[in-house]
N, C-alpha and C. Protein backbone atom coordinates (compact mmCIF):
# COMPACT_ATOMS: atom_id res chain seq x y z
N MET A 1 8.36 -19.53 -5.17
CA MET A 1 8.44 -18.43 -6.11
C MET A 1 9.59 -18.73 -7.06
N ARG A 2 9.31 -18.62 -8.32
CA ARG A 2 10.34 -18.87 -9.32
C ARG A 2 10.57 -17.63 -10.14
N GLY A 3 11.73 -17.57 -10.74
CA GLY A 3 11.98 -16.51 -11.68
C GLY A 3 12.45 -15.20 -11.10
N LEU A 4 12.88 -15.17 -9.85
CA LEU A 4 13.43 -13.93 -9.32
C LEU A 4 14.83 -13.74 -9.87
N GLU A 5 15.07 -12.55 -10.35
CA GLU A 5 16.38 -12.22 -10.91
C GLU A 5 16.88 -10.93 -10.29
N GLN A 6 18.13 -10.64 -10.54
CA GLN A 6 18.72 -9.41 -10.05
C GLN A 6 17.92 -8.22 -10.60
N ARG A 7 17.71 -7.22 -9.76
CA ARG A 7 16.97 -5.99 -10.08
C ARG A 7 15.46 -6.15 -10.05
N ASP A 8 14.94 -7.37 -9.80
CA ASP A 8 13.49 -7.52 -9.61
C ASP A 8 13.09 -6.83 -8.33
N LYS A 9 11.86 -6.38 -8.27
CA LYS A 9 11.32 -5.76 -7.06
C LYS A 9 10.46 -6.78 -6.33
N VAL A 10 10.60 -6.84 -5.00
CA VAL A 10 9.83 -7.77 -4.19
C VAL A 10 9.30 -7.06 -2.95
N PHE A 11 8.17 -7.56 -2.45
CA PHE A 11 7.64 -7.12 -1.15
C PHE A 11 8.23 -8.05 -0.11
N LEU A 12 8.55 -7.53 1.05
CA LEU A 12 9.10 -8.32 2.15
C LEU A 12 7.99 -8.60 3.15
N LYS A 13 7.80 -9.89 3.47
CA LYS A 13 6.75 -10.29 4.40
C LYS A 13 7.16 -9.98 5.82
N LEU A 14 6.21 -9.48 6.60
CA LEU A 14 6.49 -9.17 7.99
C LEU A 14 6.48 -10.43 8.83
N SER A 15 7.33 -10.45 9.80
CA SER A 15 7.31 -11.52 10.79
C SER A 15 7.45 -10.86 12.15
N PRO A 16 7.13 -11.56 13.20
CA PRO A 16 7.17 -10.93 14.53
C PRO A 16 8.59 -10.75 15.08
N TRP A 17 9.36 -9.86 14.46
CA TRP A 17 10.70 -9.56 14.96
C TRP A 17 10.57 -8.70 16.19
N LYS A 18 11.05 -9.17 17.31
CA LYS A 18 10.94 -8.40 18.54
C LYS A 18 12.03 -7.33 18.60
N LYS A 19 11.64 -6.15 18.99
CA LYS A 19 12.54 -5.02 19.21
C LYS A 19 13.32 -4.62 17.95
N VAL A 20 12.86 -5.04 16.78
CA VAL A 20 13.55 -4.63 15.55
C VAL A 20 12.66 -3.70 14.76
N LEU A 21 11.46 -4.13 14.43
CA LEU A 21 10.52 -3.31 13.71
C LEU A 21 9.25 -3.14 14.53
N ARG A 22 8.72 -1.98 14.55
CA ARG A 22 7.46 -1.75 15.24
C ARG A 22 6.51 -1.06 14.29
N PHE A 23 5.31 -1.58 14.18
CA PHE A 23 4.30 -1.00 13.33
C PHE A 23 3.10 -0.65 14.19
N SER A 24 2.35 0.35 13.79
CA SER A 24 1.29 0.87 14.63
C SER A 24 0.09 -0.05 14.76
N ARG A 25 -0.14 -0.96 13.83
CA ARG A 25 -1.31 -1.82 13.89
C ARG A 25 -0.92 -3.25 14.24
N LYS A 26 -1.76 -3.89 15.01
CA LYS A 26 -1.51 -5.27 15.38
C LYS A 26 -2.68 -6.13 14.93
N GLY A 27 -2.45 -7.40 14.82
CA GLY A 27 -3.53 -8.33 14.52
C GLY A 27 -3.92 -8.33 13.06
N LYS A 28 -5.23 -8.46 12.82
CA LYS A 28 -5.75 -8.59 11.46
C LYS A 28 -5.44 -7.39 10.57
N LEU A 29 -5.39 -6.21 11.15
CA LEU A 29 -5.19 -5.00 10.35
C LEU A 29 -3.73 -4.65 10.11
N SER A 30 -2.82 -5.42 10.66
CA SER A 30 -1.42 -5.12 10.45
C SER A 30 -1.03 -5.46 9.01
N PRO A 31 -0.08 -4.73 8.44
CA PRO A 31 0.31 -5.01 7.06
C PRO A 31 0.99 -6.36 6.94
N ARG A 32 0.74 -7.08 5.86
CA ARG A 32 1.36 -8.38 5.64
C ARG A 32 2.74 -8.24 5.00
N TYR A 33 2.86 -7.30 4.11
CA TYR A 33 4.13 -7.07 3.43
C TYR A 33 4.49 -5.61 3.58
N ILE A 34 5.79 -5.34 3.58
CA ILE A 34 6.23 -3.95 3.64
C ILE A 34 6.93 -3.61 2.33
N SER A 35 7.23 -2.43 2.18
CA SER A 35 7.77 -1.76 1.00
C SER A 35 8.45 -2.64 -0.06
N LEU A 36 8.66 -2.07 -1.21
CA LEU A 36 9.35 -2.75 -2.30
C LEU A 36 10.86 -2.67 -2.09
N TYR A 37 11.53 -3.81 -2.30
CA TYR A 37 12.98 -3.85 -2.21
C TYR A 37 13.53 -4.52 -3.47
N GLU A 38 14.73 -4.17 -3.81
CA GLU A 38 15.35 -4.70 -5.01
C GLU A 38 16.19 -5.94 -4.67
N VAL A 39 16.09 -6.97 -5.52
CA VAL A 39 16.90 -8.17 -5.36
C VAL A 39 18.31 -7.85 -5.84
N VAL A 40 19.31 -8.09 -4.98
CA VAL A 40 20.70 -7.84 -5.34
C VAL A 40 21.31 -9.08 -5.97
N GLU A 41 21.08 -10.24 -5.31
CA GLU A 41 21.64 -11.47 -5.85
C GLU A 41 20.91 -12.68 -5.29
N ARG A 42 21.06 -13.80 -5.99
CA ARG A 42 20.53 -15.06 -5.52
C ARG A 42 21.64 -15.75 -4.75
N VAL A 43 21.41 -16.02 -3.47
CA VAL A 43 22.43 -16.60 -2.60
C VAL A 43 22.43 -18.13 -2.71
N SER A 44 21.24 -18.72 -2.74
CA SER A 44 21.11 -20.17 -2.90
C SER A 44 19.81 -20.45 -3.66
N LEU A 45 19.40 -21.70 -3.72
CA LEU A 45 18.16 -22.04 -4.42
C LEU A 45 16.94 -21.37 -3.81
N VAL A 46 16.97 -21.13 -2.49
CA VAL A 46 15.79 -20.59 -1.81
C VAL A 46 16.07 -19.31 -1.03
N ALA A 47 17.19 -18.65 -1.28
CA ALA A 47 17.53 -17.43 -0.54
C ALA A 47 18.01 -16.33 -1.48
N TYR A 48 17.59 -15.11 -1.14
CA TYR A 48 17.94 -13.94 -1.95
C TYR A 48 18.43 -12.82 -1.05
N ARG A 49 19.40 -12.05 -1.55
CA ARG A 49 19.90 -10.88 -0.85
C ARG A 49 19.15 -9.67 -1.39
N LEU A 50 18.66 -8.82 -0.46
CA LEU A 50 17.92 -7.63 -0.84
C LEU A 50 18.71 -6.38 -0.53
N LYS A 51 18.43 -5.33 -1.27
CA LYS A 51 19.02 -4.02 -1.01
C LYS A 51 18.09 -3.31 -0.02
N LEU A 52 18.52 -3.24 1.25
CA LEU A 52 17.69 -2.66 2.30
C LEU A 52 18.10 -1.22 2.59
N PRO A 53 17.16 -0.38 3.03
CA PRO A 53 17.50 1.00 3.38
C PRO A 53 18.29 1.05 4.70
N PRO A 54 18.94 2.17 4.99
CA PRO A 54 19.75 2.29 6.21
C PRO A 54 18.98 2.05 7.50
N GLU A 55 17.69 2.38 7.54
CA GLU A 55 16.94 2.18 8.79
C GLU A 55 16.70 0.71 9.12
N LEU A 56 16.96 -0.19 8.17
CA LEU A 56 16.84 -1.63 8.43
C LEU A 56 18.21 -2.31 8.47
N GLU A 57 19.25 -1.55 8.80
CA GLU A 57 20.60 -2.09 8.79
C GLU A 57 20.82 -3.17 9.85
N ARG A 58 19.99 -3.21 10.90
CA ARG A 58 20.15 -4.20 11.95
C ARG A 58 19.62 -5.58 11.54
N ILE A 59 18.95 -5.65 10.38
CA ILE A 59 18.37 -6.90 9.90
C ILE A 59 19.30 -7.50 8.85
N HIS A 60 19.50 -8.80 8.94
CA HIS A 60 20.32 -9.49 7.93
C HIS A 60 19.64 -9.35 6.57
N ASP A 61 20.40 -9.13 5.51
CA ASP A 61 19.82 -8.80 4.21
C ASP A 61 19.54 -10.00 3.31
N VAL A 62 19.64 -11.24 3.83
CA VAL A 62 19.33 -12.44 3.06
C VAL A 62 18.03 -13.02 3.59
N PHE A 63 17.08 -13.30 2.67
CA PHE A 63 15.76 -13.76 3.07
C PHE A 63 15.37 -15.02 2.30
N HIS A 64 14.65 -15.89 2.99
CA HIS A 64 14.11 -17.09 2.35
C HIS A 64 13.02 -16.68 1.38
N VAL A 65 12.86 -17.46 0.34
CA VAL A 65 11.90 -17.15 -0.71
C VAL A 65 10.47 -17.05 -0.16
N SER A 66 10.17 -17.75 0.92
CA SER A 66 8.82 -17.69 1.50
C SER A 66 8.51 -16.33 2.13
N MET A 67 9.53 -15.52 2.38
CA MET A 67 9.34 -14.18 2.95
C MET A 67 9.16 -13.11 1.89
N LEU A 68 9.23 -13.49 0.61
CA LEU A 68 9.20 -12.52 -0.48
C LEU A 68 7.98 -12.72 -1.36
N GLN A 69 7.48 -11.63 -1.88
CA GLN A 69 6.38 -11.65 -2.84
C GLN A 69 6.80 -10.79 -4.02
N LYS A 70 6.90 -11.38 -5.20
CA LYS A 70 7.35 -10.65 -6.37
C LYS A 70 6.34 -9.57 -6.75
N TYR A 71 6.85 -8.40 -7.07
CA TYR A 71 6.00 -7.30 -7.52
C TYR A 71 5.81 -7.41 -9.02
N ARG A 72 4.56 -7.46 -9.42
CA ARG A 72 4.24 -7.47 -10.85
C ARG A 72 3.67 -6.10 -11.19
N SER A 73 4.33 -5.42 -12.08
CA SER A 73 3.93 -4.07 -12.43
C SER A 73 2.51 -4.06 -12.98
N ASP A 74 1.72 -3.13 -12.49
CA ASP A 74 0.33 -3.00 -12.90
C ASP A 74 0.05 -1.52 -13.12
N PRO A 75 -0.43 -1.13 -14.30
CA PRO A 75 -0.70 0.30 -14.56
C PRO A 75 -1.70 0.91 -13.60
N LEU A 76 -2.56 0.09 -12.98
CA LEU A 76 -3.52 0.62 -12.02
C LEU A 76 -2.85 1.08 -10.73
N HIS A 77 -1.62 0.63 -10.46
CA HIS A 77 -0.92 1.05 -9.26
C HIS A 77 -0.41 2.49 -9.38
N ILE A 78 -0.32 2.99 -10.60
CA ILE A 78 0.20 4.33 -10.83
C ILE A 78 -0.96 5.30 -10.87
N MET A 79 -0.96 6.21 -9.94
CA MET A 79 -2.03 7.19 -9.86
C MET A 79 -1.73 8.35 -10.81
N PRO A 80 -2.70 8.71 -11.65
CA PRO A 80 -2.45 9.84 -12.55
C PRO A 80 -2.41 11.15 -11.78
N PHE A 81 -1.51 12.01 -12.19
CA PHE A 81 -1.40 13.30 -11.55
C PHE A 81 -2.45 14.23 -12.13
N GLU A 82 -3.29 14.74 -11.28
CA GLU A 82 -4.28 15.71 -11.70
C GLU A 82 -3.97 17.03 -11.00
N GLU A 83 -4.15 18.07 -11.72
CA GLU A 83 -3.85 19.39 -11.18
C GLU A 83 -4.84 19.75 -10.07
N VAL A 84 -4.32 19.91 -8.88
CA VAL A 84 -5.13 20.32 -7.74
C VAL A 84 -4.53 21.61 -7.22
N GLU A 85 -5.35 22.63 -7.15
CA GLU A 85 -4.87 23.92 -6.67
C GLU A 85 -4.92 23.94 -5.15
N ILE A 86 -3.75 24.00 -4.54
CA ILE A 86 -3.65 24.00 -3.08
C ILE A 86 -3.38 25.41 -2.62
N ARG A 87 -4.18 25.84 -1.66
CA ARG A 87 -4.04 27.21 -1.12
C ARG A 87 -2.86 27.27 -0.15
N ASP A 88 -2.55 28.49 0.29
CA ASP A 88 -1.44 28.69 1.23
C ASP A 88 -1.66 27.99 2.56
N ASP A 89 -2.92 27.83 2.97
CA ASP A 89 -3.21 27.14 4.23
C ASP A 89 -3.36 25.62 4.03
N LEU A 90 -2.89 25.11 2.87
CA LEU A 90 -2.86 23.69 2.53
C LEU A 90 -4.25 23.06 2.42
N THR A 91 -5.23 23.84 1.98
CA THR A 91 -6.57 23.32 1.72
C THR A 91 -6.85 23.42 0.23
N TYR A 92 -7.85 22.70 -0.23
CA TYR A 92 -8.28 22.79 -1.62
C TYR A 92 -9.78 22.63 -1.67
N GLU A 93 -10.36 23.04 -2.78
CA GLU A 93 -11.81 23.02 -2.92
C GLU A 93 -12.24 21.78 -3.69
N GLU A 94 -13.24 21.10 -3.15
CA GLU A 94 -13.81 19.93 -3.81
C GLU A 94 -15.06 20.35 -4.57
N GLU A 95 -15.26 19.77 -5.75
CA GLU A 95 -16.44 20.06 -6.55
C GLU A 95 -17.19 18.76 -6.84
N PRO A 96 -18.48 18.70 -6.50
CA PRO A 96 -19.25 17.50 -6.85
C PRO A 96 -19.54 17.48 -8.35
N VAL A 97 -19.44 16.28 -8.97
CA VAL A 97 -19.69 16.13 -10.39
C VAL A 97 -21.09 15.58 -10.61
N GLU A 98 -21.42 14.48 -9.92
CA GLU A 98 -22.75 13.91 -10.04
C GLU A 98 -23.08 13.05 -8.83
N ILE A 99 -24.35 12.80 -8.64
CA ILE A 99 -24.81 11.92 -7.58
C ILE A 99 -24.90 10.51 -8.17
N LEU A 100 -24.16 9.57 -7.57
CA LEU A 100 -24.11 8.21 -8.09
C LEU A 100 -25.22 7.32 -7.53
N ALA A 101 -25.58 7.53 -6.29
CA ALA A 101 -26.62 6.69 -5.68
C ALA A 101 -27.25 7.42 -4.50
N ARG A 102 -28.50 7.06 -4.24
CA ARG A 102 -29.21 7.61 -3.08
C ARG A 102 -29.75 6.45 -2.27
N GLY A 103 -29.90 6.69 -0.99
CA GLY A 103 -30.45 5.66 -0.12
C GLY A 103 -30.95 6.27 1.17
N GLU A 104 -31.51 5.44 1.99
CA GLU A 104 -32.02 5.90 3.27
C GLU A 104 -31.77 4.82 4.30
N LYS A 105 -31.24 5.21 5.44
CA LYS A 105 -30.97 4.27 6.52
C LYS A 105 -31.94 4.58 7.65
N VAL A 106 -32.59 3.54 8.13
CA VAL A 106 -33.55 3.70 9.21
C VAL A 106 -32.89 3.32 10.52
N LEU A 107 -32.81 4.30 11.41
CA LEU A 107 -32.29 4.06 12.74
C LEU A 107 -33.49 3.83 13.67
N ARG A 108 -33.28 3.76 14.94
CA ARG A 108 -34.38 3.44 15.86
C ARG A 108 -35.61 4.32 15.67
N ASN A 109 -35.40 5.62 15.72
CA ASN A 109 -36.56 6.50 15.63
C ASN A 109 -36.38 7.63 14.61
N LYS A 110 -35.44 7.47 13.70
CA LYS A 110 -35.29 8.50 12.67
C LYS A 110 -34.71 7.90 11.40
N ARG A 111 -34.83 8.60 10.32
CA ARG A 111 -34.32 8.18 9.02
C ARG A 111 -33.18 9.12 8.62
N VAL A 112 -32.12 8.53 8.04
CA VAL A 112 -30.96 9.31 7.61
C VAL A 112 -30.80 9.11 6.11
N SER A 113 -30.76 10.21 5.36
CA SER A 113 -30.56 10.13 3.91
C SER A 113 -29.09 9.91 3.61
N LEU A 114 -28.80 8.98 2.70
CA LEU A 114 -27.43 8.71 2.28
C LEU A 114 -27.30 9.06 0.81
N VAL A 115 -26.20 9.74 0.44
CA VAL A 115 -25.97 10.13 -0.94
C VAL A 115 -24.52 9.80 -1.28
N LYS A 116 -24.31 9.04 -2.37
CA LYS A 116 -22.97 8.74 -2.86
C LYS A 116 -22.67 9.73 -3.98
N VAL A 117 -21.59 10.50 -3.80
CA VAL A 117 -21.26 11.60 -4.71
C VAL A 117 -19.93 11.32 -5.41
N LEU A 118 -19.87 11.58 -6.69
CA LEU A 118 -18.60 11.54 -7.43
C LEU A 118 -18.02 12.95 -7.38
N TRP A 119 -16.81 13.05 -6.79
CA TRP A 119 -16.16 14.34 -6.67
C TRP A 119 -15.19 14.55 -7.83
N HIS A 120 -14.88 15.81 -8.09
CA HIS A 120 -14.07 16.19 -9.25
C HIS A 120 -12.69 15.54 -9.25
N ASN A 121 -11.98 15.53 -8.14
CA ASN A 121 -10.60 15.02 -8.08
C ASN A 121 -10.52 13.56 -7.64
N HIS A 122 -11.60 12.80 -7.74
CA HIS A 122 -11.60 11.40 -7.32
C HIS A 122 -12.11 10.52 -8.44
N ARG A 123 -11.71 9.24 -8.39
CA ARG A 123 -12.22 8.29 -9.37
C ARG A 123 -13.54 7.72 -8.88
N SER A 124 -14.31 7.14 -9.81
CA SER A 124 -15.62 6.61 -9.43
C SER A 124 -15.53 5.27 -8.71
N GLU A 125 -14.37 4.57 -8.77
CA GLU A 125 -14.24 3.30 -8.06
C GLU A 125 -14.32 3.54 -6.59
C-alpha cells in the first residue's frame, strides 16, 4: 500500500489475537476488517501508528502495512437520511410502492408464490 499519510482513514485487518478481541462470528462469515482508524504517523517504510479507541488500549498501536486497507471515500457509503415517523413503541409503518417481480417456487407437493416488493423507505438495489 502506498500513499498513506497522516489523517488518512484505514481499515484494520483482523488476525487471530487470542484473548484480546472476540467477535461473534467465526470462519468464513467473520469480518475481515474492523472499523475505520486514523493514521497518526508513519513509523517506518512499512509501519504506521494508528489512533485506537480506549477499548483497544491493550493492543500495540503500530501496524504493518499488510494489516491495513486504505479507505477510499465513496458517496454510495453515505446513506441519505429519509424522514421516518417512529411511534412511541419504536415501530413504523411500511408502505409498498410497486411490485418489482413475481415468481413461483415449487416444493414437493405445493407451490409458493414469491413477490419482490419495493418499499417506501428502501432503495431498489
